[in-house]
Amino acid sequence: MGHSHDHQHHHHHGSGNKDALKWAFIIITLFMVVEVIGGIMTNSLALLSDAGHMLSDSAALGLSFLAMTYGKRASSHSKTFGYKRFEILAAFINGIALIAIAIYIFWEAYHRILQPVSIVSSGMLIVSVIGFIVNIIAAFILMRGDKDENINVRSAFLHVLGDLLGSVGAIIAALLIMFFGWGWADPAASVIVAVLVLISGWRVTKETIHILMEGTPANINIDKVKQTLLSIQEVKEVNDLHVWSITSDFPAFSCHLVTDTGIDQQALLIQANSLLHDEYHIEHTTIQIDAGGHPCKKGDHCN
């Protein structure tokens, strides 16, 4: 039985991710209060919808920061992988929150279209422009984190991106109301934002469910992994092969390698782990060598 475990790559971006989430949380939360006040004073659904999304952002960013903090806690006898999966649970909640916010915006926009209200377009424009600037700053901060690899940072970035687009929509709606008196532009902008938020929420939720169901990481092809291991001269068969994710940037791997007797098992393990690391970036592996093993038969637990 061989076991390889190297976490250095997980800590490389950890500090930067936490700082990005912390500062984005502070900025978003402070402006959310401003946008709620502005939305109430101007009677703008676009601003209030964006403020509702920012409330979701604030909670999501805080939860993501908490998840990354708890995720670094040491493993124990009851939680052998520690709290790393907490990060995925936080991202799942973020995705569900995005979907819920989108549905709420659709509902409110429907009522606003049926019963238009008077909107203070100048105040709406000012708050929207400020929101646009704030969201650019928050997005830039999160881009400095590991958003391409870390699902929590990515879900937070999608929240902020949705807010950024919401601010753009609110600015356009304010200008249309100001110059043309098109009151419908306010709920229309809200609907556009809701569609974007719904798409983002669905993507995050779908990805986190896949991880929670221990699905194969999207960037790894099981058949190719198997062929890579079979390319090792001593390996006759690869059985019971599994690849899953503990968290977004922590793939795990296990399999049985069937070989002839009398081989250097330690050398084989080193070669197999090297291939998995170099070609698939898999560093947490559990490999069992079945020396003199028999081909997999129907009914056995094999792949």
Protein backbone atom coordinates (compact mmCIF):
# COMPACT_ATOMS: atom_id res chain seq x y z
CA MET A 1 0.00 0.00 0.00
CA GLY A 2 1.39 3.39 -0.94
CA HIS A 3 0.36 6.79 0.24
CA SER A 4 1.48 10.22 -0.94
CA HIS A 5 0.39 13.50 0.56
CA ASP A 6 1.76 17.00 -0.13
CA HIS A 7 -0.20 20.12 0.75
CA GLN A 8 2.30 22.87 0.03
CA HIS A 9 0.42 24.02 -3.05
CA HIS A 10 -2.74 24.57 -0.98
CA HIS A 11 -1.02 27.00 1.35
CA HIS A 12 0.58 28.99 -1.45
CA HIS A 13 -2.56 31.00 -2.19
CA GLY A 14 -4.28 30.55 1.18
CA SER A 15 -3.19 33.81 2.79
CA GLY A 16 -3.92 35.85 -0.35
CA ASN A 17 -7.38 34.29 -0.66
CA LYS A 18 -8.25 35.11 2.96
CA ASP A 19 -7.07 38.72 2.63
CA ALA A 20 -9.01 39.15 -0.62
CA LEU A 21 -12.20 37.83 0.96
CA LYS A 22 -11.74 39.95 4.08
CA TRP A 23 -11.26 43.26 2.27
CA ALA A 24 -13.98 42.54 -0.28
CA PHE A 25 -16.33 41.75 2.63
CA ILE A 26 -15.58 45.06 4.36
CA ILE A 27 -16.03 47.14 1.18
CA ILE A 28 -19.23 45.39 0.06
CA THR A 29 -20.83 45.53 3.51
CA LEU A 30 -20.18 49.25 3.94
CA PHE A 31 -21.58 50.14 0.53
CA MET A 32 -24.57 47.83 0.97
CA VAL A 33 -25.80 50.13 3.73
CA VAL A 34 -25.37 53.15 1.43
CA GLU A 35 -27.24 51.43 -1.39
CA VAL A 36 -30.16 50.40 0.83
CA ILE A 37 -30.55 54.01 1.99
CA GLY A 38 -30.21 55.26 -1.59
CA GLY A 39 -32.73 52.73 -2.89
CA ILE A 40 -35.32 53.71 -0.30
CA MET A 41 -34.80 57.45 -0.85
CA THR A 42 -34.97 57.21 -4.66
CA ASN A 43 -37.65 54.47 -4.74
CA SER A 44 -35.52 52.49 -7.21
CA LEU A 45 -36.05 48.75 -7.48
CA ALA A 46 -32.82 48.43 -9.44
CA LEU A 47 -30.89 49.86 -6.48
CA LEU A 48 -32.83 47.87 -3.89
CA SER A 49 -32.36 44.69 -5.94
CA ASP A 50 -28.66 45.37 -6.18
CA ALA A 51 -28.60 46.08 -2.45
CA GLY A 52 -30.31 42.74 -1.84
CA HIS A 53 -27.69 41.07 -3.97
CA MET A 54 -24.99 42.91 -2.03
CA LEU A 55 -26.54 41.65 1.21
CA SER A 56 -26.14 38.16 -0.19
CA ASP A 57 -22.59 39.08 -1.19
CA SER A 58 -21.77 40.33 2.28
CA ALA A 59 -23.05 37.13 3.87
CA ALA A 60 -21.35 35.01 1.21
CA LEU A 61 -17.99 36.74 1.59
CA GLY A 62 -18.15 36.52 5.38
CA LEU A 63 -19.11 32.86 5.19
CA SER A 64 -16.34 32.18 2.66
CA PHE A 65 -13.78 33.86 4.90
CA LEU A 66 -15.03 31.81 7.84
CA ALA A 67 -14.88 28.66 5.72
CA MET A 68 -11.26 29.26 4.75
CA THR A 69 -10.37 29.99 8.37
CA TYR A 70 -12.02 26.80 9.64
CA GLY A 71 -10.71 24.87 6.65
CA LYS A 72 -7.16 25.27 7.99
CA ARG A 73 -8.02 23.55 11.26
CA ALA A 74 -6.09 20.36 11.88
CA SER A 75 -7.60 16.96 11.22
CA SER A 76 -8.82 14.78 14.06
CA HIS A 77 -9.92 11.20 14.66
CA SER A 78 -13.52 12.16 13.92
CA LYS A 79 -12.64 14.38 10.90
CA THR A 80 -9.61 12.85 9.21
CA PHE A 81 -9.59 15.47 6.44
CA GLY A 82 -10.11 18.29 8.92
CA TYR A 83 -12.63 20.98 7.92
CA LYS A 84 -11.61 21.39 4.28
CA ARG A 85 -15.05 20.36 3.00
CA PHE A 86 -16.55 23.31 4.95
CA GLU A 87 -15.35 25.50 2.07
CA ILE A 88 -17.56 23.58 -0.38
CA LEU A 89 -20.56 23.80 1.95
CA ALA A 90 -20.07 27.59 2.11
CA ALA A 91 -19.87 27.84 -1.69
CA PHE A 92 -23.04 25.69 -1.96
CA ILE A 93 -24.90 28.09 0.35
CA ASN A 94 -23.60 30.99 -1.75
CA GLY A 95 -25.00 29.42 -4.91
CA ILE A 96 -28.40 28.77 -3.34
CA ALA A 97 -28.46 32.37 -2.05
CA LEU A 98 -27.83 33.68 -5.57
CA ILE A 99 -30.73 31.65 -6.95
CA ALA A 100 -33.06 32.83 -4.17
CA ILE A 101 -32.07 36.49 -4.71
CA ALA A 102 -32.72 36.14 -8.46
CA ILE A 103 -36.22 34.73 -7.88
CA TYR A 104 -37.02 37.57 -5.45
CA ILE A 105 -35.88 40.21 -7.98
CA PHE A 106 -38.09 38.64 -10.69
CA TRP A 107 -41.07 38.80 -8.35
CA GLU A 108 -40.53 42.43 -7.36
CA ALA A 109 -39.89 43.50 -10.96
CA TYR A 110 -43.16 41.89 -12.05
CA HIS A 111 -45.09 43.98 -9.53
CA ARG A 112 -43.21 47.16 -10.47
CA ILE A 113 -44.08 46.66 -14.15
CA LEU A 114 -47.77 46.25 -13.27
CA GLN A 115 -47.73 49.22 -10.87
CA PRO A 116 -45.05 51.76 -11.89
CA VAL A 117 -43.77 54.15 -9.21
CA SER A 118 -42.06 57.54 -9.29
CA ILE A 119 -38.26 57.32 -9.17
CA VAL A 120 -35.67 59.99 -8.27
CA SER A 121 -33.40 59.35 -11.23
CA SER A 122 -30.61 61.80 -10.25
CA GLY A 123 -30.13 60.19 -6.84
CA MET A 124 -30.36 56.74 -8.43
CA LEU A 125 -27.60 57.69 -10.90
CA ILE A 126 -25.26 58.96 -8.18
CA VAL A 127 -25.63 55.85 -6.01
CA SER A 128 -25.29 53.57 -9.06
CA VAL A 129 -22.03 55.21 -10.16
CA ILE A 130 -20.60 54.89 -6.65
CA GLY A 131 -21.70 51.25 -6.60
CA PHE A 132 -20.02 50.64 -9.93
CA ILE A 133 -16.71 51.99 -8.59
CA VAL A 134 -16.99 50.02 -5.34
CA ASN A 135 -17.68 46.77 -7.19
CA ILE A 136 -14.71 47.31 -9.51
CA ILE A 137 -12.49 47.69 -6.45
CA ALA A 138 -13.95 44.55 -4.83
CA ALA A 139 -13.63 42.55 -8.06
CA PHE A 140 -10.00 43.67 -8.45
CA ILE A 141 -9.26 42.57 -4.88
CA LEU A 142 -10.80 39.13 -5.47
CA MET A 143 -8.95 38.73 -8.78
CA ARG A 144 -5.73 38.94 -6.77
CA GLY A 145 -6.87 35.78 -4.98
CA ASP A 146 -6.88 32.30 -6.53
CA LYS A 147 -10.28 32.60 -8.21
CA ASP A 148 -9.45 30.15 -11.01
CA GLU A 149 -8.66 27.28 -8.63
CA ASN A 150 -10.54 28.07 -5.41
CA ILE A 151 -14.30 27.63 -5.74
CA ASN A 152 -15.04 29.81 -2.71
CA VAL A 153 -13.11 32.78 -4.09
CA ARG A 154 -14.68 32.15 -7.49
CA SER A 155 -18.23 32.09 -6.10
CA ALA A 156 -17.51 35.32 -4.21
CA PHE A 157 -16.09 36.85 -7.41
CA LEU A 158 -19.26 35.86 -9.29
CA HIS A 159 -21.33 37.57 -6.60
CA VAL A 160 -19.35 40.78 -7.03
CA LEU A 161 -19.42 40.50 -10.83
CA GLY A 162 -23.20 40.24 -10.65
CA ASP A 163 -23.24 43.39 -8.52
CA LEU A 164 -20.99 45.15 -11.01
CA LEU A 165 -23.37 44.33 -13.85
CA GLY A 166 -26.25 45.35 -11.62
CA SER A 167 -24.65 48.77 -11.13
CA VAL A 168 -24.22 49.12 -14.90
CA GLY A 169 -27.89 48.26 -15.38
CA ALA A 170 -28.92 50.77 -12.72
CA ILE A 171 -26.81 53.51 -14.34
CA ILE A 172 -28.39 52.88 -17.75
CA ALA A 173 -31.89 52.75 -16.22
CA ALA A 174 -31.30 56.02 -14.35
CA LEU A 175 -30.16 57.75 -17.56
CA LEU A 176 -33.19 56.44 -19.49
CA ILE A 177 -35.54 57.66 -16.78
CA MET A 178 -33.74 61.01 -16.51
CA PHE A 179 -33.72 61.81 -20.24
CA PHE A 180 -36.71 59.91 -21.63
CA GLY A 181 -38.98 59.34 -18.63
CA TRP A 182 -38.98 55.59 -19.21
CA GLY A 183 -40.02 54.35 -15.77
CA TRP A 184 -40.09 50.73 -16.96
CA ALA A 185 -36.32 50.86 -17.35
CA ASP A 186 -35.89 50.41 -13.58
CA PRO A 187 -37.64 47.00 -13.26
CA ALA A 188 -36.24 45.99 -16.68
CA ALA A 189 -32.71 46.54 -15.40
CA SER A 190 -33.58 44.44 -12.37
CA VAL A 191 -34.74 41.56 -14.58
CA ILE A 192 -31.47 41.60 -16.56
CA VAL A 193 -29.50 41.49 -13.31
CA ALA A 194 -31.71 38.66 -12.04
CA VAL A 195 -30.95 36.55 -15.15
CA LEU A 196 -27.20 37.02 -14.69
CA VAL A 197 -27.44 36.25 -10.97
CA LEU A 198 -29.50 33.12 -11.68
CA ILE A 199 -26.92 31.81 -14.17
CA SER A 200 -24.05 32.43 -11.73
CA GLY A 201 -25.94 30.80 -8.86
CA TRP A 202 -26.78 27.73 -10.92
CA ARG A 203 -23.17 27.24 -12.00
CA VAL A 204 -21.79 27.49 -8.47
CA THR A 205 -24.51 25.24 -7.05
CA LYS A 206 -24.02 22.62 -9.77
CA GLU A 207 -20.25 22.53 -9.25
CA THR A 208 -20.47 22.24 -5.46
CA ILE A 209 -23.07 19.45 -5.68
CA HIS A 210 -20.70 17.59 -8.02
CA ILE A 211 -17.92 17.88 -5.43
CA LEU A 212 -20.19 16.90 -2.53
CA MET A 213 -21.25 13.83 -4.54
CA GLU A 214 -17.52 13.05 -4.91
CA GLY A 215 -17.67 13.36 -8.68
CA THR A 216 -14.55 13.22 -10.83
CA PRO A 217 -12.87 16.66 -11.15
CA ALA A 218 -13.76 18.31 -14.48
CA ASN A 219 -10.11 18.62 -15.52
CA ILE A 220 -9.34 14.91 -15.08
CA ASN A 221 -10.21 12.16 -17.56
CA ILE A 222 -10.48 8.80 -15.82
CA ASP A 223 -9.68 6.80 -18.97
CA LYS A 224 -6.53 8.83 -19.61
CA VAL A 225 -5.39 8.40 -16.01
CA LYS A 226 -5.88 4.65 -16.31
CA GLN A 227 -3.93 4.51 -19.59
CA THR A 228 -1.12 6.56 -18.01
CA LEU A 229 -0.76 4.02 -15.20
CA LEU A 230 -0.97 1.12 -17.64
CA SER A 231 1.94 2.65 -19.54
CA ILE A 232 4.17 1.61 -16.63
CA GLN A 233 5.83 -1.63 -17.70
CA GLU A 234 5.21 -3.50 -14.43
CA VAL A 235 1.47 -2.66 -14.29
CA LYS A 236 -0.74 -5.36 -15.79
CA GLU A 237 -4.10 -4.00 -14.74
CA VAL A 238 -5.61 -0.98 -12.95
CA ASN A 239 -8.63 -1.69 -10.75
CA ASP A 240 -10.89 0.16 -8.33
CA LEU A 241 -9.74 3.56 -9.61
CA HIS A 242 -11.34 6.63 -8.01
CA VAL A 243 -10.63 10.35 -8.39
CA TRP A 244 -12.61 12.88 -6.36
CA SER A 245 -12.20 16.26 -4.67
CA ILE A 246 -12.00 16.93 -0.96
CA THR A 247 -12.30 20.64 -1.73
CA SER A 248 -11.89 22.78 -4.86
CA ASP A 249 -8.09 22.59 -5.11
CA PHE A 250 -7.53 19.25 -3.36
CA PRO A 251 -8.06 16.23 -5.66
CA ALA A 252 -7.70 12.77 -4.13
CA PHE A 253 -6.92 9.47 -5.84
CA SER A 254 -6.99 5.75 -5.05
CA CYS A 255 -6.56 2.56 -7.07
CA HIS A 256 -5.22 -1.00 -7.13
CA LEU A 257 -2.31 -1.84 -9.44
CA VAL A 258 -2.08 -5.50 -10.48
CA THR A 259 1.51 -6.63 -11.09
CA ASP A 260 3.60 -9.77 -11.30
CA THR A 261 5.41 -11.01 -8.21
CA GLY A 262 8.99 -10.08 -7.44
CA ILE A 263 8.86 -6.43 -8.55
CA ASP A 264 10.25 -3.43 -6.65
CA GLN A 265 7.00 -2.13 -5.19
CA GLN A 266 8.52 1.02 -3.70
CA ALA A 267 10.03 2.02 -7.05
CA LEU A 268 6.68 1.37 -8.74
CA LEU A 269 4.86 3.59 -6.22
CA ILE A 270 7.36 6.39 -6.76
CA GLN A 271 6.93 6.17 -10.54
CA ALA A 272 3.11 6.04 -10.35
CA ASN A 273 2.93 9.01 -7.97
CA SER A 274 5.35 10.97 -10.14
CA LEU A 275 3.19 10.44 -13.23
CA LEU A 276 0.00 11.41 -11.38
CA HIS A 277 1.67 14.54 -10.01
CA ASP A 278 3.33 15.68 -13.25
CA GLU A 279 0.46 14.97 -15.66
CA TYR A 280 -2.64 15.49 -13.52
CA HIS A 281 -1.46 17.55 -10.51
CA ILE A 282 -2.72 14.86 -8.13
CA GLU A 283 -0.71 14.82 -4.91
CA HIS A 284 -2.94 12.97 -2.44
CA THR A 285 -2.88 9.30 -3.51
CA THR A 286 -3.57 5.90 -2.00
CA ILE A 287 -2.29 3.08 -4.20
CA GLN A 288 -2.49 -0.62 -3.37
CA ILE A 289 -0.24 -3.02 -5.25
CA ASP A 290 -1.66 -6.49 -5.85
CA ALA A 291 1.47 -8.48 -6.70
CA GLY A 292 0.53 -11.64 -8.54
CA GLY A 293 -3.06 -10.45 -8.54
CA HIS A 294 -5.75 -11.82 -10.81
CA PRO A 295 -7.76 -9.96 -13.47
CA CYS A 296 -10.93 -8.34 -12.29
CA LYS A 297 -13.96 -10.59 -12.52
CA LYS A 298 -17.62 -9.72 -12.80
CA GLY A 299 -19.02 -8.76 -9.41
CA ASP A 300 -15.69 -7.52 -8.03
CA HIS A 301 -15.37 -3.89 -6.90
CA CYS A 302 -13.30 -2.74 -9.89
CA ASN A 303 -13.28 -0.20 -12.69
